Amino acid sequence: MFFTRIPCPKWVDHSDEYLNKASMYFPLIGWIVGGFSALIFWASKFIFPVSMSIIFSMIASILMTGAFHEDGFADVCDGFGGGWTKEKILEIMKDSRIGAYGVIGMILMLGTKFAVLNQISAQFIPAALIAGHSISRFASTTIIFTHSYVRENEDSKAKPLAKKMTFAQLVVSAIFGLLPLTLFASYIFLLIIIPVFLARWYMIHYFVKWIGGYTGDCLGTVQQVCEIVFYIFVCLIIWKFI
């Protein structure tokens, strides 16, 4: 309910308590979204070229999440691109309209994701999709544990967001987030944890510098960027070591 467009039973209701408890399963959603995306890629590959199959898999993941994280990425591009104070950045980010920075950022982000995936050997793409969606969501989730949410005033644009996480929940999240790395045949792929979390560290450092913490849009941005960083380093490992 919180992280995808998958229908839930009518008796499942929304509450802040449920959302905070659900945060540790965010990387598990990566299994579902990445797995569905990988399934679409695998099935499409029997009929279409690899490049088209990658596009179909990207469309599948966006449809399943309702572009939840892509929307956050676009808002961050607009906010940090057009705002020079904390107040102005937050004001722009909660505007439902998309600006030039958001459009340009989305085009470059999706184009980069496609270009990098298209350079990965086809046999590795399903594992890359599942692991990429999972570890990027784990990287995003850790920010809930380590940093503070900055928009205390709720408004119509604010998305539902978990704002608390215990250490035990973080451990569960780590298991879900890192376990898919075992889908690769070599332990060398575990090294990708380093650049992914370096990217995560840089982004949250940047967010804290400008707005003092994170928002839901910031978490979506971290997920998108870390996913691309993961794919880039999968490419590098395959080129250099496989």
C-alpha atoms as a PDB file:
ATOM      1  CA  MET A   1       0.000   0.000   0.000  1.00  0.00           C
ATOM      2  CA  PHE A   2       2.741   2.468   0.959  1.00  0.00           C
ATOM      3  CA  PHE A   3       5.381   1.667  -1.644  1.00  0.00           C
ATOM      4  CA  THR A   4       3.589   0.172  -4.659  1.00  0.00           C
ATOM      5  CA  ARG A   5       0.324   0.250  -6.596  1.00  0.00           C
ATOM      6  CA  ILE A   6      -0.368  -3.398  -5.772  1.00  0.00           C
ATOM      7  CA  PRO A   7      -3.956  -3.632  -4.446  1.00  0.00           C
ATOM      8  CA  CYS A   8      -4.289  -4.410  -0.730  1.00  0.00           C
ATOM      9  CA  PRO A   9      -7.245  -5.930   1.168  1.00  0.00           C
ATOM     10  CA  LYS A  10      -9.888  -3.397   2.212  1.00  0.00           C
ATOM     11  CA  TRP A  11      -9.304  -4.135   5.891  1.00  0.00           C
ATOM     12  CA  VAL A  12      -5.734  -2.833   5.651  1.00  0.00           C
ATOM     13  CA  ASP A  13      -5.817   0.763   6.869  1.00  0.00           C
ATOM     14  CA  HIS A  14      -3.254   3.567   6.971  1.00  0.00           C
ATOM     15  CA  SER A  15      -1.605   4.773  10.157  1.00  0.00           C
ATOM     16  CA  ASP A  16       1.714   6.370  11.092  1.00  0.00           C
ATOM     17  CA  GLU A  17       2.470   3.396  13.341  1.00  0.00           C
ATOM     18  CA  TYR A  18       1.989   0.913  10.500  1.00  0.00           C
ATOM     19  CA  LEU A  19       4.122   3.029   8.185  1.00  0.00           C
ATOM     20  CA  ASN A  20       6.997   3.257  10.653  1.00  0.00           C
ATOM     21  CA  LYS A  21       6.866  -0.511  11.157  1.00  0.00           C
ATOM     22  CA  ALA A  22       6.703  -1.079   7.396  1.00  0.00           C
ATOM     23  CA  SER A  23       9.901   0.883   6.756  1.00  0.00           C
ATOM     24  CA  MET A  24      12.108  -2.133   7.457  1.00  0.00           C
ATOM     25  CA  TYR A  25      10.430  -3.975   4.572  1.00  0.00           C
ATOM     26  CA  PHE A  26      11.274  -1.263   2.050  1.00  0.00           C
ATOM     27  CA  PRO A  27      14.136  -3.368   0.560  1.00  0.00           C
ATOM     28  CA  LEU A  28      11.755  -6.343   0.378  1.00  0.00           C
ATOM     29  CA  ILE A  29       9.640  -4.208  -1.964  1.00  0.00           C
ATOM     30  CA  GLY A  30      12.795  -4.120  -4.075  1.00  0.00           C
ATOM     31  CA  TRP A  31      12.535  -7.895  -4.417  1.00  0.00           C
ATOM     32  CA  ILE A  32       8.971  -7.525  -5.675  1.00  0.00           C
ATOM     33  CA  VAL A  33       9.517  -4.567  -8.007  1.00  0.00           C
ATOM     34  CA  GLY A  34      12.896  -5.806  -9.224  1.00  0.00           C
ATOM     35  CA  GLY A  35      11.581  -9.350  -9.597  1.00  0.00           C
ATOM     36  CA  PHE A  36       8.610  -8.209 -11.675  1.00  0.00           C
ATOM     37  CA  SER A  37      10.894  -6.021 -13.764  1.00  0.00           C
ATOM     38  CA  ALA A  38      13.279  -8.963 -14.263  1.00  0.00           C
ATOM     39  CA  LEU A  39      10.371 -11.210 -15.252  1.00  0.00           C
ATOM     40  CA  ILE A  40       9.226  -8.718 -17.894  1.00  0.00           C
ATOM     41  CA  PHE A  41      12.793  -8.470 -19.219  1.00  0.00           C
ATOM     42  CA  TRP A  42      13.189 -12.247 -19.356  1.00  0.00           C
ATOM     43  CA  ALA A  43       9.845 -12.804 -21.114  1.00  0.00           C
ATOM     44  CA  SER A  44      10.348  -9.915 -23.569  1.00  0.00           C
ATOM     45  CA  LYS A  45      13.788 -11.159 -24.544  1.00  0.00           C
ATOM     46  CA  PHE A  46      12.231 -14.157 -26.296  1.00  0.00           C
ATOM     47  CA  ILE A  47      10.504 -11.825 -28.745  1.00  0.00           C
ATOM     48  CA  PHE A  48      12.296  -8.475 -28.727  1.00  0.00           C
ATOM     49  CA  PRO A  49      15.914  -7.251 -28.728  1.00  0.00           C
ATOM     50  CA  VAL A  50      17.641  -6.756 -25.379  1.00  0.00           C
ATOM     51  CA  SER A  51      17.384  -2.964 -25.627  1.00  0.00           C
ATOM     52  CA  MET A  52      13.599  -3.075 -26.034  1.00  0.00           C
ATOM     53  CA  SER A  53      13.301  -5.658 -23.256  1.00  0.00           C
ATOM     54  CA  ILE A  54      15.167  -3.295 -20.920  1.00  0.00           C
ATOM     55  CA  ILE A  55      12.744  -0.483 -21.732  1.00  0.00           C
ATOM     56  CA  PHE A  56       9.779  -2.757 -21.058  1.00  0.00           C
ATOM     57  CA  SER A  57      11.295  -3.776 -17.715  1.00  0.00           C
ATOM     58  CA  MET A  58      11.771  -0.125 -16.758  1.00  0.00           C
ATOM     59  CA  ILE A  59       8.164   0.646 -17.677  1.00  0.00           C
ATOM     60  CA  ALA A  60       7.023  -2.314 -15.567  1.00  0.00           C
ATOM     61  CA  SER A  61       8.864  -1.068 -12.478  1.00  0.00           C
ATOM     62  CA  ILE A  62       7.502   2.457 -12.910  1.00  0.00           C
ATOM     63  CA  LEU A  63       3.939   1.188 -13.301  1.00  0.00           C
ATOM     64  CA  MET A  64       4.276  -0.983 -10.202  1.00  0.00           C
ATOM     65  CA  THR A  65       5.454   1.904  -8.019  1.00  0.00           C
ATOM     66  CA  GLY A  66       3.404   4.631  -9.687  1.00  0.00           C
ATOM     67  CA  ALA A  67       6.664   6.512 -10.395  1.00  0.00           C
ATOM     68  CA  PHE A  68       6.827   7.092  -6.643  1.00  0.00           C
ATOM     69  CA  HIS A  69      10.608   7.516  -6.487  1.00  0.00           C
ATOM     70  CA  GLU A  70      10.995   9.109  -9.905  1.00  0.00           C
ATOM     71  CA  ASP A  71       8.561  11.803  -8.808  1.00  0.00           C
ATOM     72  CA  GLY A  72      10.678  12.439  -5.720  1.00  0.00           C
ATOM     73  CA  PHE A  73      13.804  12.697  -7.872  1.00  0.00           C
ATOM     74  CA  ALA A  74      12.143  15.280 -10.122  1.00  0.00           C
ATOM     75  CA  ASP A  75      10.997  17.304  -7.091  1.00  0.00           C
ATOM     76  CA  VAL A  76      14.533  17.317  -5.680  1.00  0.00           C
ATOM     77  CA  CYS A  77      15.947  18.466  -9.037  1.00  0.00           C
ATOM     78  CA  ASP A  78      13.455  21.343  -9.086  1.00  0.00           C
ATOM     79  CA  GLY A  79      13.896  22.243  -5.425  1.00  0.00           C
ATOM     80  CA  PHE A  80      17.664  22.201  -5.218  1.00  0.00           C
ATOM     81  CA  GLY A  81      18.049  23.535  -8.745  1.00  0.00           C
ATOM     82  CA  GLY A  82      15.773  26.520  -8.261  1.00  0.00           C
ATOM     83  CA  GLY A  83      15.971  27.257  -4.525  1.00  0.00           C
ATOM     84  CA  TRP A  84      18.754  29.022  -2.633  1.00  0.00           C
ATOM     85  CA  THR A  85      17.362  28.858   0.896  1.00  0.00           C
ATOM     86  CA  LYS A  86      15.896  26.022   2.945  1.00  0.00           C
ATOM     87  CA  GLU A  87      12.452  27.592   2.875  1.00  0.00           C
ATOM     88  CA  LYS A  88      12.487  28.132  -0.890  1.00  0.00           C
ATOM     89  CA  ILE A  89      13.811  24.627  -1.608  1.00  0.00           C
ATOM     90  CA  LEU A  90      11.076  23.037   0.498  1.00  0.00           C
ATOM     91  CA  GLU A  91       8.435  25.278  -1.049  1.00  0.00           C
ATOM     92  CA  ILE A  92       9.448  24.278  -4.580  1.00  0.00           C
ATOM     93  CA  MET A  93       9.672  20.602  -3.687  1.00  0.00           C
ATOM     94  CA  LYS A  94       6.088  20.471  -2.425  1.00  0.00           C
ATOM     95  CA  ASP A  95       4.752  22.133  -5.587  1.00  0.00           C
ATOM     96  CA  SER A  96       2.882  19.508  -7.629  1.00  0.00           C
ATOM     97  CA  ARG A  97       4.029  21.100 -10.884  1.00  0.00           C
ATOM     98  CA  ILE A  98       7.271  19.985 -12.518  1.00  0.00           C
ATOM     99  CA  GLY A  99       9.835  22.499 -13.757  1.00  0.00           C
ATOM    100  CA  ALA A 100      12.730  22.539 -16.199  1.00  0.00           C
ATOM    101  CA  TYR A 101      15.197  21.080 -13.680  1.00  0.00           C
ATOM    102  CA  GLY A 102      12.833  18.214 -12.944  1.00  0.00           C
ATOM    103  CA  VAL A 103      12.210  17.412 -16.618  1.00  0.00           C
ATOM    104  CA  ILE A 104      15.901  17.563 -17.503  1.00  0.00           C
ATOM    105  CA  GLY A 105      16.819  15.491 -14.449  1.00  0.00           C
ATOM    106  CA  MET A 106      14.232  12.810 -15.271  1.00  0.00           C
ATOM    107  CA  ILE A 107      15.389  12.563 -18.893  1.00  0.00           C
ATOM    108  CA  LEU A 108      19.029  12.237 -17.874  1.00  0.00           C
ATOM    109  CA  MET A 109      18.286   9.816 -15.037  1.00  0.00           C
ATOM    110  CA  LEU A 110      16.109   7.444 -17.085  1.00  0.00           C
ATOM    111  CA  GLY A 111      18.439   7.723 -20.069  1.00  0.00           C
ATOM    112  CA  THR A 112      21.440   6.861 -17.917  1.00  0.00           C
ATOM    113  CA  LYS A 113      19.634   3.924 -16.350  1.00  0.00           C
ATOM    114  CA  PHE A 114      18.736   2.525 -19.768  1.00  0.00           C
ATOM    115  CA  ALA A 115      22.218   3.120 -21.208  1.00  0.00           C
ATOM    116  CA  VAL A 116      23.948   1.381 -18.298  1.00  0.00           C
ATOM    117  CA  LEU A 117      21.570  -1.588 -18.231  1.00  0.00           C
ATOM    118  CA  ASN A 118      22.063  -1.948 -21.974  1.00  0.00           C
ATOM    119  CA  GLN A 119      25.790  -2.432 -21.362  1.00  0.00           C
ATOM    120  CA  ILE A 120      25.274  -5.297 -18.895  1.00  0.00           C
ATOM    121  CA  SER A 121      25.411  -8.797 -20.345  1.00  0.00           C
ATOM    122  CA  ALA A 122      21.865 -10.085 -20.770  1.00  0.00           C
ATOM    123  CA  GLN A 123      22.389 -13.070 -18.458  1.00  0.00           C
ATOM    124  CA  PHE A 124      23.240 -10.728 -15.569  1.00  0.00           C
ATOM    125  CA  ILE A 125      20.372  -8.261 -16.041  1.00  0.00           C
ATOM    126  CA  PRO A 126      17.675 -10.129 -14.026  1.00  0.00           C
ATOM    127  CA  ALA A 127      20.009 -10.441 -11.011  1.00  0.00           C
ATOM    128  CA  ALA A 128      21.094  -6.816 -11.436  1.00  0.00           C
ATOM    129  CA  LEU A 129      17.493  -5.596 -11.476  1.00  0.00           C
ATOM    130  CA  ILE A 130      16.502  -7.474  -8.323  1.00  0.00           C
ATOM    131  CA  ALA A 131      19.672  -6.604  -6.402  1.00  0.00           C
ATOM    132  CA  GLY A 132      19.700  -3.006  -7.660  1.00  0.00           C
ATOM    133  CA  HIS A 133      16.150  -2.325  -6.562  1.00  0.00           C
ATOM    134  CA  SER A 134      16.810  -3.927  -3.162  1.00  0.00           C
ATOM    135  CA  ILE A 135      20.151  -2.421  -2.169  1.00  0.00           C
ATOM    136  CA  SER A 136      19.140   1.062  -3.343  1.00  0.00           C
ATOM    137  CA  ARG A 137      16.043   0.905  -1.169  1.00  0.00           C
ATOM    138  CA  PHE A 138      18.146  -0.248   1.770  1.00  0.00           C
ATOM    139  CA  ALA A 139      20.528   2.680   1.268  1.00  0.00           C
ATOM    140  CA  SER A 140      17.535   5.008   1.284  1.00  0.00           C
ATOM    141  CA  THR A 141      16.030   3.352   4.363  1.00  0.00           C
ATOM    142  CA  THR A 142      19.200   3.815   6.443  1.00  0.00           C
ATOM    143  CA  ILE A 143      18.689   7.580   6.237  1.00  0.00           C
ATOM    144  CA  ILE A 144      15.505   7.213   8.311  1.00  0.00           C
ATOM    145  CA  PHE A 145      17.677   5.646  11.040  1.00  0.00           C
ATOM    146  CA  THR A 146      20.589   8.086  10.892  1.00  0.00           C
ATOM    147  CA  HIS A 147      19.036  11.469  10.104  1.00  0.00           C
ATOM    148  CA  SER A 148      16.079  13.705  10.873  1.00  0.00           C
ATOM    149  CA  TYR A 149      13.015  14.515   8.818  1.00  0.00           C
ATOM    150  CA  VAL A 150      12.884  18.250   8.170  1.00  0.00           C
ATOM    151  CA  ARG A 151       9.282  19.046   7.164  1.00  0.00           C
ATOM    152  CA  GLU A 152       7.287  18.934  10.369  1.00  0.00           C
ATOM    153  CA  ASN A 153       4.259  20.789   9.000  1.00  0.00           C
ATOM    154  CA  GLU A 154       2.059  18.357   7.090  1.00  0.00           C
ATOM    155  CA  ASP A 155       0.496  19.616   3.859  1.00  0.00           C
ATOM    156  CA  SER A 156      -1.499  18.309   0.929  1.00  0.00           C
ATOM    157  CA  LYS A 157       1.624  17.560  -1.118  1.00  0.00           C
ATOM    158  CA  ALA A 158       3.441  15.670   1.642  1.00  0.00           C
ATOM    159  CA  LYS A 159       3.568  11.947   0.925  1.00  0.00           C
ATOM    160  CA  PRO A 160       3.146   9.279   3.613  1.00  0.00           C
ATOM    161  CA  LEU A 161       6.567   8.735   5.126  1.00  0.00           C
ATOM    162  CA  ALA A 162       8.161   6.638   7.839  1.00  0.00           C
ATOM    163  CA  LYS A 163      10.120   8.868  10.213  1.00  0.00           C
ATOM    164  CA  LYS A 164      11.326   6.410  12.863  1.00  0.00           C
ATOM    165  CA  MET A 165      13.368   3.212  12.754  1.00  0.00           C
ATOM    166  CA  THR A 166      14.891   1.056  15.503  1.00  0.00           C
ATOM    167  CA  PHE A 167      18.232  -0.724  15.243  1.00  0.00           C
ATOM    168  CA  ALA A 168      16.471  -4.098  15.089  1.00  0.00           C
ATOM    169  CA  GLN A 169      14.386  -2.854  12.142  1.00  0.00           C
ATOM    170  CA  LEU A 170      17.566  -1.625  10.455  1.00  0.00           C
ATOM    171  CA  VAL A 171      19.102  -5.103  10.745  1.00  0.00           C
ATOM    172  CA  VAL A 172      16.028  -6.690   9.158  1.00  0.00           C
ATOM    173  CA  SER A 173      16.164  -4.081   6.409  1.00  0.00           C
ATOM    174  CA  ALA A 174      19.851  -4.860   5.816  1.00  0.00           C
ATOM    175  CA  ILE A 175      19.118  -8.569   5.387  1.00  0.00           C
ATOM    176  CA  PHE A 176      16.433  -7.874   2.795  1.00  0.00           C
ATOM    177  CA  GLY A 177      18.563  -5.244   1.092  1.00  0.00           C
ATOM    178  CA  LEU A 178      21.840  -7.157   0.779  1.00  0.00           C
ATOM    179  CA  LEU A 179      20.695 -10.775   0.382  1.00  0.00           C
ATOM    180  CA  PRO A 180      19.928 -10.422  -3.380  1.00  0.00           C
ATOM    181  CA  LEU A 181      23.649  -9.799  -3.997  1.00  0.00           C
ATOM    182  CA  THR A 182      24.010 -13.565  -3.621  1.00  0.00           C
ATOM    183  CA  LEU A 183      22.180 -13.933  -6.955  1.00  0.00           C
ATOM    184  CA  PHE A 184      25.490 -13.158  -8.612  1.00  0.00           C
ATOM    185  CA  ALA A 185      27.903 -16.049  -9.002  1.00  0.00           C
ATOM    186  CA  SER A 186      30.879 -14.178  -7.544  1.00  0.00           C
ATOM    187  CA  TYR A 187      31.539 -12.592  -4.169  1.00  0.00           C
ATOM    188  CA  ILE A 188      33.299  -9.729  -5.926  1.00  0.00           C
ATOM    189  CA  PHE A 189      29.897  -8.132  -6.505  1.00  0.00           C
ATOM    190  CA  LEU A 190      29.714  -7.505  -2.744  1.00  0.00           C
ATOM    191  CA  LEU A 191      32.241  -4.718  -3.333  1.00  0.00           C
ATOM    192  CA  ILE A 192      29.464  -2.676  -4.961  1.00  0.00           C
ATOM    193  CA  ILE A 193      28.155  -1.959  -1.449  1.00  0.00           C
ATOM    194  CA  ILE A 194      31.018   0.551  -1.114  1.00  0.00           C
ATOM    195  CA  PRO A 195      30.210   2.897  -4.042  1.00  0.00           C
ATOM    196  CA  VAL A 196      26.471   2.623  -3.342  1.00  0.00           C
ATOM    197  CA  PHE A 197      26.912   3.830   0.220  1.00  0.00           C
ATOM    198  CA  LEU A 198      29.446   6.462  -0.809  1.00  0.00           C
ATOM    199  CA  ALA A 199      26.746   7.859  -3.104  1.00  0.00           C
ATOM    200  CA  ARG A 200      24.258   7.648  -0.247  1.00  0.00           C
ATOM    201  CA  TRP A 201      26.692   9.459   2.088  1.00  0.00           C
ATOM    202  CA  TYR A 202      27.331  12.257  -0.410  1.00  0.00           C
ATOM    203  CA  MET A 203      23.646  12.869  -1.074  1.00  0.00           C
ATOM    204  CA  ILE A 204      22.556  12.997   2.556  1.00  0.00           C
ATOM    205  CA  HIS A 205      25.549  15.237   3.297  1.00  0.00           C
ATOM    206  CA  TYR A 206      24.315  17.564   0.544  1.00  0.00           C
ATOM    207  CA  PHE A 207      20.725  17.493   1.821  1.00  0.00           C
ATOM    208  CA  VAL A 208      21.786  18.230   5.411  1.00  0.00           C
ATOM    209  CA  LYS A 209      23.958  21.113   4.212  1.00  0.00           C
ATOM    210  CA  TRP A 210      21.041  22.805   2.435  1.00  0.00           C
ATOM    211  CA  ILE A 211      17.887  21.832   4.348  1.00  0.00           C
ATOM    212  CA  GLY A 212      19.134  20.249   7.573  1.00  0.00           C
ATOM    213  CA  GLY A 213      17.896  16.710   6.973  1.00  0.00           C
ATOM    214  CA  TYR A 214      15.739  14.769   4.538  1.00  0.00           C
ATOM    215  CA  THR A 215      12.241  14.693   3.092  1.00  0.00           C
ATOM    216  CA  GLY A 216      10.368  11.894   1.349  1.00  0.00           C
ATOM    217  CA  ASP A 217      11.524  13.283  -1.993  1.00  0.00           C
ATOM    218  CA  CYS A 218      15.123  13.066  -0.797  1.00  0.00           C
ATOM    219  CA  LEU A 219      14.665   9.380   0.034  1.00  0.00           C
ATOM    220  CA  GLY A 220      13.275   8.744  -3.457  1.00  0.00           C
ATOM    221  CA  THR A 221      16.261  10.525  -4.966  1.00  0.00           C
ATOM    222  CA  VAL A 222      18.731   8.456  -2.953  1.00  0.00           C
ATOM    223  CA  GLN A 223      16.990   5.300  -4.130  1.00  0.00           C
ATOM    224  CA  GLN A 224      17.134   6.298  -7.787  1.00  0.00           C
ATOM    225  CA  VAL A 225      20.753   7.452  -7.732  1.00  0.00           C
ATOM    226  CA  CYS A 226      21.995   4.448  -5.738  1.00  0.00           C
ATOM    227  CA  GLU A 227      20.197   2.118  -8.152  1.00  0.00           C
ATOM    228  CA  ILE A 228      22.060   3.673 -11.087  1.00  0.00           C
ATOM    229  CA  VAL A 229      25.379   3.597  -9.201  1.00  0.00           C
ATOM    230  CA  PHE A 230      24.787  -0.102  -8.560  1.00  0.00           C
ATOM    231  CA  TYR A 231      24.225  -0.814 -12.259  1.00  0.00           C
ATOM    232  CA  ILE A 232      27.332   1.178 -13.231  1.00  0.00           C
ATOM    233  CA  PHE A 233      29.559  -0.865 -10.965  1.00  0.00           C
ATOM    234  CA  VAL A 234      27.949  -4.131 -12.084  1.00  0.00           C
ATOM    235  CA  CYS A 235      29.074  -3.086 -15.576  1.00  0.00           C
ATOM    236  CA  LEU A 236      32.607  -2.335 -14.397  1.00  0.00           C
ATOM    237  CA  ILE A 237      32.954  -5.661 -12.580  1.00  0.00           C
ATOM    238  CA  ILE A 238      31.679  -7.619 -15.566  1.00  0.00           C
ATOM    239  CA  TRP A 239      34.038  -5.767 -17.918  1.00  0.00           C
ATOM    240  CA  LYS A 240      37.103  -6.132 -15.706  1.00  0.00           C
ATOM    241  CA  PHE A 241      36.681  -9.402 -13.857  1.00  0.00           C
ATOM    242  CA  ILE A 242      34.079 -11.658 -15.480  1.00  0.00           C
END
